[in-house]
Amino acid sequence: MSRVALSKIKSLTFYKDSLTTSRRDGPIPQLNCIGKPCNLYTPDAVRCVSVGGEGTDVDWKIYLKLYDSEE
């Protein structure tokens, strides 16, 4: 794997039952829901889309499917 500037990444998608891959550490869950709302619902996937920025100061728009009829 080679390094990629955060500002060059257009989107990221994280999945509930998938693990990360890393050059330095062991795998960890991609998506980990924390807090009381997680007792009622945990999203299967979360998509983050870059809306601009430079270097490490990048803004993201987050999408997740809350219920079968919503996005």
PDB file of N, CA and C in Angstrom:
ATOM      1  N   MET A   1       0.842  -1.186   0.000  1.00  0.00           N
ATOM      2  CA  MET A   1       0.000   0.000   0.000  1.00  0.00           C
ATOM      3  C   MET A   1       0.882   1.241   0.000  1.00  0.00           C
ATOM      4  N   SER A   2       0.454   2.242  -0.713  1.00  0.00           N
ATOM      5  CA  SER A   2       1.174   3.509  -0.698  1.00  0.00           C
ATOM      6  C   SER A   2       0.304   4.578  -0.047  1.00  0.00           C
ATOM      7  N   ARG A   3       0.927   5.638   0.382  1.00  0.00           N
ATOM      8  CA  ARG A   3       0.196   6.727   1.030  1.00  0.00           C
ATOM      9  C   ARG A   3      -0.612   7.526   0.011  1.00  0.00           C
ATOM     10  N   VAL A   4      -1.780   7.985   0.462  1.00  0.00           N
ATOM     11  CA  VAL A   4      -2.645   8.820  -0.366  1.00  0.00           C
ATOM     12  C   VAL A   4      -3.064  10.006   0.498  1.00  0.00           C
ATOM     13  N   ALA A   5      -2.964  11.199  -0.045  1.00  0.00           N
ATOM     14  CA  ALA A   5      -3.401  12.386   0.698  1.00  0.00           C
ATOM     15  C   ALA A   5      -4.904  12.312   0.955  1.00  0.00           C
ATOM     16  N   LEU A   6      -5.318  12.660   2.168  1.00  0.00           N
ATOM     17  CA  LEU A   6      -6.732  12.603   2.533  1.00  0.00           C
ATOM     18  C   LEU A   6      -7.578  13.452   1.593  1.00  0.00           C
ATOM     19  N   SER A   7      -7.056  14.578   1.150  1.00  0.00           N
ATOM     20  CA  SER A   7      -7.808  15.463   0.256  1.00  0.00           C
ATOM     21  C   SER A   7      -8.022  14.851  -1.132  1.00  0.00           C
ATOM     22  N   LYS A   8      -7.282  13.802  -1.472  1.00  0.00           N
ATOM     23  CA  LYS A   8      -7.430  13.132  -2.769  1.00  0.00           C
ATOM     24  C   LYS A   8      -8.484  12.026  -2.743  1.00  0.00           C
ATOM     25  N   ILE A   9      -8.928  11.645  -1.546  1.00  0.00           N
ATOM     26  CA  ILE A   9      -9.915  10.569  -1.408  1.00  0.00           C
ATOM     27  C   ILE A   9     -11.310  11.158  -1.634  1.00  0.00           C
ATOM     28  N   LYS A  10     -12.042  10.611  -2.593  1.00  0.00           N
ATOM     29  CA  LYS A  10     -13.374  11.123  -2.940  1.00  0.00           C
ATOM     30  C   LYS A  10     -14.473  10.572  -2.034  1.00  0.00           C
ATOM     31  N   SER A  11     -14.368   9.291  -1.661  1.00  0.00           N
ATOM     32  CA  SER A  11     -15.381   8.704  -0.788  1.00  0.00           C
ATOM     33  C   SER A  11     -14.810   7.500  -0.057  1.00  0.00           C
ATOM     34  N   LEU A  12     -15.439   7.187   1.068  1.00  0.00           N
ATOM     35  CA  LEU A  12     -15.097   6.017   1.871  1.00  0.00           C
ATOM     36  C   LEU A  12     -16.401   5.338   2.261  1.00  0.00           C
ATOM     37  N   THR A  13     -16.415   4.025   2.259  1.00  0.00           N
ATOM     38  CA  THR A  13     -17.584   3.274   2.703  1.00  0.00           C
ATOM     39  C   THR A  13     -17.141   2.285   3.766  1.00  0.00           C
ATOM     40  N   PHE A  14     -17.836   2.301   4.890  1.00  0.00           N
ATOM     41  CA  PHE A  14     -17.525   1.426   6.011  1.00  0.00           C
ATOM     42  C   PHE A  14     -18.693   0.458   6.214  1.00  0.00           C
ATOM     43  N   TYR A  15     -18.368  -0.820   6.478  1.00  0.00           N
ATOM     44  CA  TYR A  15     -19.384  -1.859   6.629  1.00  0.00           C
ATOM     45  C   TYR A  15     -19.349  -2.448   8.034  1.00  0.00           C
ATOM     46  N   LYS A  16     -20.535  -2.760   8.571  1.00  0.00           N
ATOM     47  CA  LYS A  16     -20.681  -3.246   9.943  1.00  0.00           C
ATOM     48  C   LYS A  16     -19.882  -4.512  10.216  1.00  0.00           C
ATOM     49  N   ASP A  17     -19.917  -5.475   9.352  1.00  0.00           N
ATOM     50  CA  ASP A  17     -19.277  -6.763   9.631  1.00  0.00           C
ATOM     51  C   ASP A  17     -17.956  -6.970   8.904  1.00  0.00           C
ATOM     52  N   SER A  18     -17.280  -5.867   8.542  1.00  0.00           N
ATOM     53  CA  SER A  18     -16.002  -5.973   7.846  1.00  0.00           C
ATOM     54  C   SER A  18     -14.878  -5.417   8.717  1.00  0.00           C
ATOM     55  N   LEU A  19     -13.680  -5.907   8.463  1.00  0.00           N
ATOM     56  CA  LEU A  19     -12.509  -5.467   9.211  1.00  0.00           C
ATOM     57  C   LEU A  19     -11.602  -4.617   8.330  1.00  0.00           C
ATOM     58  N   THR A  20     -10.830  -3.731   8.967  1.00  0.00           N
ATOM     59  CA  THR A  20      -9.869  -2.908   8.248  1.00  0.00           C
ATOM     60  C   THR A  20      -8.653  -3.740   7.850  1.00  0.00           C
ATOM     61  N   THR A  21      -7.883  -3.204   6.929  1.00  0.00           N
ATOM     62  CA  THR A  21      -6.562  -3.760   6.630  1.00  0.00           C
ATOM     63  C   THR A  21      -5.575  -2.636   6.882  1.00  0.00           C
ATOM     64  N   SER A  22      -4.451  -2.971   7.465  1.00  0.00           N
ATOM     65  CA  SER A  22      -3.487  -1.956   7.850  1.00  0.00           C
ATOM     66  C   SER A  22      -2.076  -2.469   7.651  1.00  0.00           C
ATOM     67  N   ARG A  23      -1.163  -1.561   7.417  1.00  0.00           N
ATOM     68  CA  ARG A  23       0.242  -1.942   7.283  1.00  0.00           C
ATOM     69  C   ARG A  23       0.878  -2.159   8.642  1.00  0.00           C
ATOM     70  N   ARG A  24       0.364  -1.508   9.682  1.00  0.00           N
ATOM     71  CA  ARG A  24       1.042  -1.521  10.982  1.00  0.00           C
ATOM     72  C   ARG A  24       0.316  -2.307  12.067  1.00  0.00           C
ATOM     73  N   ASP A  25      -0.996  -2.269  12.089  1.00  0.00           N
ATOM     74  CA  ASP A  25      -1.763  -2.889  13.166  1.00  0.00           C
ATOM     75  C   ASP A  25      -2.624  -4.026  12.645  1.00  0.00           C
ATOM     76  N   GLY A  26      -3.160  -4.799  13.572  1.00  0.00           N
ATOM     77  CA  GLY A  26      -4.074  -5.869  13.210  1.00  0.00           C
ATOM     78  C   GLY A  26      -5.414  -5.308  12.783  1.00  0.00           C
ATOM     79  N   PRO A  27      -6.269  -6.142  12.208  1.00  0.00           N
ATOM     80  CA  PRO A  27      -7.578  -5.677  11.742  1.00  0.00           C
ATOM     81  C   PRO A  27      -8.476  -5.249  12.903  1.00  0.00           C
ATOM     82  N   ILE A  28      -9.265  -4.201  12.658  1.00  0.00           N
ATOM     83  CA  ILE A  28     -10.273  -3.737  13.603  1.00  0.00           C
ATOM     84  C   ILE A  28     -11.579  -3.544  12.832  1.00  0.00           C
ATOM     85  N   PRO A  29     -12.728  -3.542  13.521  1.00  0.00           N
ATOM     86  CA  PRO A  29     -13.997  -3.349  12.812  1.00  0.00           C
ATOM     87  C   PRO A  29     -14.020  -2.011  12.065  1.00  0.00           C
ATOM     88  N   GLN A  30     -14.529  -2.020  10.842  1.00  0.00           N
ATOM     89  CA  GLN A  30     -14.656  -0.795  10.057  1.00  0.00           C
ATOM     90  C   GLN A  30     -15.701   0.140  10.648  1.00  0.00           C
ATOM     91  N   LEU A  31     -16.754  -0.421  11.199  1.00  0.00           N
ATOM     92  CA  LEU A  31     -17.875   0.371  11.697  1.00  0.00           C
ATOM     93  C   LEU A  31     -18.257  -0.148  13.075  1.00  0.00           C
ATOM     94  N   ASN A  32     -18.233   0.747  14.051  1.00  0.00           N
ATOM     95  CA  ASN A  32     -18.542   0.369  15.416  1.00  0.00           C
ATOM     96  C   ASN A  32     -19.526   1.383  15.982  1.00  0.00           C
ATOM     97  N   CYS A  33     -20.750   0.977  16.197  1.00  0.00           N
ATOM     98  CA  CYS A  33     -21.796   1.864  16.699  1.00  0.00           C
ATOM     99  C   CYS A  33     -21.663   1.979  18.223  1.00  0.00           C
ATOM    100  N   ILE A  34     -21.680   3.228  18.725  1.00  0.00           N
ATOM    101  CA  ILE A  34     -21.508   3.484  20.153  1.00  0.00           C
ATOM    102  C   ILE A  34     -22.659   4.359  20.629  1.00  0.00           C
ATOM    103  N   GLY A  35     -23.246   4.020  21.756  1.00  0.00           N
ATOM    104  CA  GLY A  35     -24.288   4.851  22.351  1.00  0.00           C
ATOM    105  C   GLY A  35     -25.628   4.141  22.432  1.00  0.00           C
ATOM    106  N   LYS A  36     -26.541   4.770  23.150  1.00  0.00           N
ATOM    107  CA  LYS A  36     -27.865   4.189  23.376  1.00  0.00           C
ATOM    108  C   LYS A  36     -28.662   3.935  22.092  1.00  0.00           C
ATOM    109  N   PRO A  37     -28.601   4.829  21.074  1.00  0.00           N
ATOM    110  CA  PRO A  37     -29.362   4.558  19.845  1.00  0.00           C
ATOM    111  C   PRO A  37     -28.964   3.244  19.171  1.00  0.00           C
ATOM    112  N   CYS A  38     -27.750   2.776  19.422  1.00  0.00           N
ATOM    113  CA  CYS A  38     -27.300   1.527  18.800  1.00  0.00           C
ATOM    114  C   CYS A  38     -28.070   0.317  19.313  1.00  0.00           C
ATOM    115  N   ASN A  39     -28.693   0.446  20.478  1.00  0.00           N
ATOM    116  CA  ASN A  39     -29.530  -0.636  20.990  1.00  0.00           C
ATOM    117  C   ASN A  39     -30.776  -0.819  20.131  1.00  0.00           C
ATOM    118  N   LEU A  40     -31.212   0.264  19.490  1.00  0.00           N
ATOM    119  CA  LEU A  40     -32.398   0.217  18.643  1.00  0.00           C
ATOM    120  C   LEU A  40     -32.058  -0.086  17.191  1.00  0.00           C
ATOM    121  N   TYR A  41     -30.931   0.459  16.719  1.00  0.00           N
ATOM    122  CA  TYR A  41     -30.578   0.289  15.313  1.00  0.00           C
ATOM    123  C   TYR A  41     -29.088   0.520  15.108  1.00  0.00           C
ATOM    124  N   THR A  42     -28.467  -0.344  14.312  1.00  0.00           N
ATOM    125  CA  THR A  42     -27.081  -0.171  13.905  1.00  0.00           C
ATOM    126  C   THR A  42     -27.041  -0.237  12.384  1.00  0.00           C
ATOM    127  N   PRO A  43     -26.495   0.785  11.725  1.00  0.00           N
ATOM    128  CA  PRO A  43     -26.463   0.768  10.256  1.00  0.00           C
ATOM    129  C   PRO A  43     -25.556  -0.337   9.727  1.00  0.00           C
ATOM    130  N   ASP A  44     -25.909  -0.900   8.576  1.00  0.00           N
ATOM    131  CA  ASP A  44     -25.087  -1.919   7.930  1.00  0.00           C
ATOM    132  C   ASP A  44     -23.887  -1.303   7.226  1.00  0.00           C
ATOM    133  N   ALA A  45     -24.062  -0.070   6.757  1.00  0.00           N
ATOM    134  CA  ALA A  45     -22.983   0.612   6.038  1.00  0.00           C
ATOM    135  C   ALA A  45     -23.121   2.118   6.215  1.00  0.00           C
ATOM    136  N   VAL A  46     -21.981   2.799   6.178  1.00  0.00           N
ATOM    137  CA  VAL A  46     -21.929   4.255   6.228  1.00  0.00           C
ATOM    138  C   VAL A  46     -21.023   4.709   5.099  1.00  0.00           C
ATOM    139  N   ARG A  47     -21.495   5.661   4.296  1.00  0.00           N
ATOM    140  CA  ARG A  47     -20.703   6.187   3.176  1.00  0.00           C
ATOM    141  C   ARG A  47     -20.356   7.643   3.475  1.00  0.00           C
ATOM    142  N   CYS A  48     -19.085   7.979   3.360  1.00  0.00           N
ATOM    143  CA  CYS A  48     -18.591   9.334   3.589  1.00  0.00           C
ATOM    144  C   CYS A  48     -18.065   9.873   2.266  1.00  0.00           C
ATOM    145  N   VAL A  49     -18.593  11.027   1.834  1.00  0.00           N
ATOM    146  CA  VAL A  49     -18.210  11.632   0.560  1.00  0.00           C
ATOM    147  C   VAL A  49     -17.533  12.971   0.845  1.00  0.00           C
ATOM    148  N   SER A  50     -16.358  13.154   0.299  1.00  0.00           N
ATOM    149  CA  SER A  50     -15.614  14.396   0.485  1.00  0.00           C
ATOM    150  C   SER A  50     -16.329  15.542  -0.228  1.00  0.00           C
ATOM    151  N   VAL A  51     -16.493  16.651   0.496  1.00  0.00           N
ATOM    152  CA  VAL A  51     -17.106  17.835  -0.110  1.00  0.00           C
ATOM    153  C   VAL A  51     -16.088  18.958  -0.258  1.00  0.00           C
ATOM    154  N   GLY A  52     -14.809  18.631  -0.078  1.00  0.00           N
ATOM    155  CA  GLY A  52     -13.751  19.605  -0.317  1.00  0.00           C
ATOM    156  C   GLY A  52     -12.864  19.832   0.889  1.00  0.00           C
ATOM    157  N   GLY A  53     -11.760  20.466   0.635  1.00  0.00           N
ATOM    158  CA  GLY A  53     -10.797  20.773   1.681  1.00  0.00           C
ATOM    159  C   GLY A  53      -9.391  20.545   1.178  1.00  0.00           C
ATOM    160  N   GLU A  54      -8.419  20.848   2.039  1.00  0.00           N
ATOM    161  CA  GLU A  54      -7.013  20.692   1.680  1.00  0.00           C
ATOM    162  C   GLU A  54      -6.268  19.976   2.793  1.00  0.00           C
ATOM    163  N   GLY A  55      -5.254  19.207   2.404  1.00  0.00           N
ATOM    164  CA  GLY A  55      -4.429  18.505   3.391  1.00  0.00           C
ATOM    165  C   GLY A  55      -5.272  17.579   4.237  1.00  0.00           C
ATOM    166  N   THR A  56      -5.201  17.760   5.565  1.00  0.00           N
ATOM    167  CA  THR A  56      -6.006  16.938   6.475  1.00  0.00           C
ATOM    168  C   THR A  56      -7.275  17.654   6.916  1.00  0.00           C
ATOM    169  N   ASP A  57      -7.498  18.870   6.424  1.00  0.00           N
ATOM    170  CA  ASP A  57      -8.696  19.638   6.756  1.00  0.00           C
ATOM    171  C   ASP A  57      -9.741  19.439   5.657  1.00  0.00           C
ATOM    172  N   VAL A  58     -10.386  18.277   5.694  1.00  0.00           N
ATOM    173  CA  VAL A  58     -11.345  17.883   4.667  1.00  0.00           C
ATOM    174  C   VAL A  58     -12.727  17.766   5.298  1.00  0.00           C
ATOM    175  N   ASP A  59     -13.752  18.278   4.618  1.00  0.00           N
ATOM    176  CA  ASP A  59     -15.135  18.165   5.086  1.00  0.00           C
ATOM    177  C   ASP A  59     -15.791  16.980   4.391  1.00  0.00           C
ATOM    178  N   TRP A  60     -16.658  16.278   5.136  1.00  0.00           N
ATOM    179  CA  TRP A  60     -17.302  15.072   4.627  1.00  0.00           C
ATOM    180  C   TRP A  60     -18.801  15.173   4.798  1.00  0.00           C
ATOM    181  N   LYS A  61     -19.540  14.613   3.853  1.00  0.00           N
ATOM    182  CA  LYS A  61     -20.984  14.435   3.972  1.00  0.00           C
ATOM    183  C   LYS A  61     -21.206  12.941   4.214  1.00  0.00           C
ATOM    184  N   ILE A  62     -21.998  12.630   5.229  1.00  0.00           N
ATOM    185  CA  ILE A  62     -22.183  11.243   5.655  1.00  0.00           C
ATOM    186  C   ILE A  62     -23.570  10.755   5.245  1.00  0.00           C
ATOM    187  N   TYR A  63     -23.614   9.566   4.642  1.00  0.00           N
ATOM    188  CA  TYR A  63     -24.870   8.936   4.235  1.00  0.00           C
ATOM    189  C   TYR A  63     -24.994   7.586   4.932  1.00  0.00           C
ATOM    190  N   LEU A  64     -26.180   7.296   5.450  1.00  0.00           N
ATOM    191  CA  LEU A  64     -26.441   5.969   5.966  1.00  0.00           C
ATOM    192  C   LEU A  64     -27.920   5.672   5.825  1.00  0.00           C
ATOM    193  N   LYS A  65     -28.212   4.418   5.703  1.00  0.00           N
ATOM    194  CA  LYS A  65     -29.593   3.987   5.558  1.00  0.00           C
ATOM    195  C   LYS A  65     -30.123   3.691   6.951  1.00  0.00           C
ATOM    196  N   LEU A  66     -31.122   4.491   7.384  1.00  0.00           N
ATOM    197  CA  LEU A  66     -31.656   4.323   8.728  1.00  0.00           C
ATOM    198  C   LEU A  66     -32.696   3.210   8.808  1.00  0.00           C
ATOM    199  N   TYR A  67     -33.594   3.186   7.849  1.00  0.00           N
ATOM    200  CA  TYR A  67     -34.641   2.176   7.811  1.00  0.00           C
ATOM    201  C   TYR A  67     -34.795   1.739   6.368  1.00  0.00           C
ATOM    202  N   ASP A  68     -35.547   0.700   6.117  1.00  0.00           N
ATOM    203  CA  ASP A  68     -35.721   0.197   4.763  1.00  0.00           C
ATOM    204  C   ASP A  68     -36.256   1.258   3.805  1.00  0.00           C
ATOM    205  N   SER A  69     -37.038   2.212   4.330  1.00  0.00           N
ATOM    206  CA  SER A  69     -37.643   3.207   3.452  1.00  0.00           C
ATOM    207  C   SER A  69     -36.892   4.540   3.442  1.00  0.00           C
ATOM    208  N   GLU A  70     -35.794   4.673   4.215  1.00  0.00           N
ATOM    209  CA  GLU A  70     -35.085   5.950   4.300  1.00  0.00           C
ATOM    210  C   GLU A  70     -33.628   5.815   3.892  1.00  0.00           C
ATOM    211  N   GLU A  71     -33.040   6.936   3.479  1.00  0.00           N
ATOM    212  CA  GLU A  71     -31.606   7.012   3.235  1.00  0.00           C
ATOM    213  C   GLU A  71     -31.095   8.321   3.748  1.00  0.00           C
TER     214      GLU A  71
END
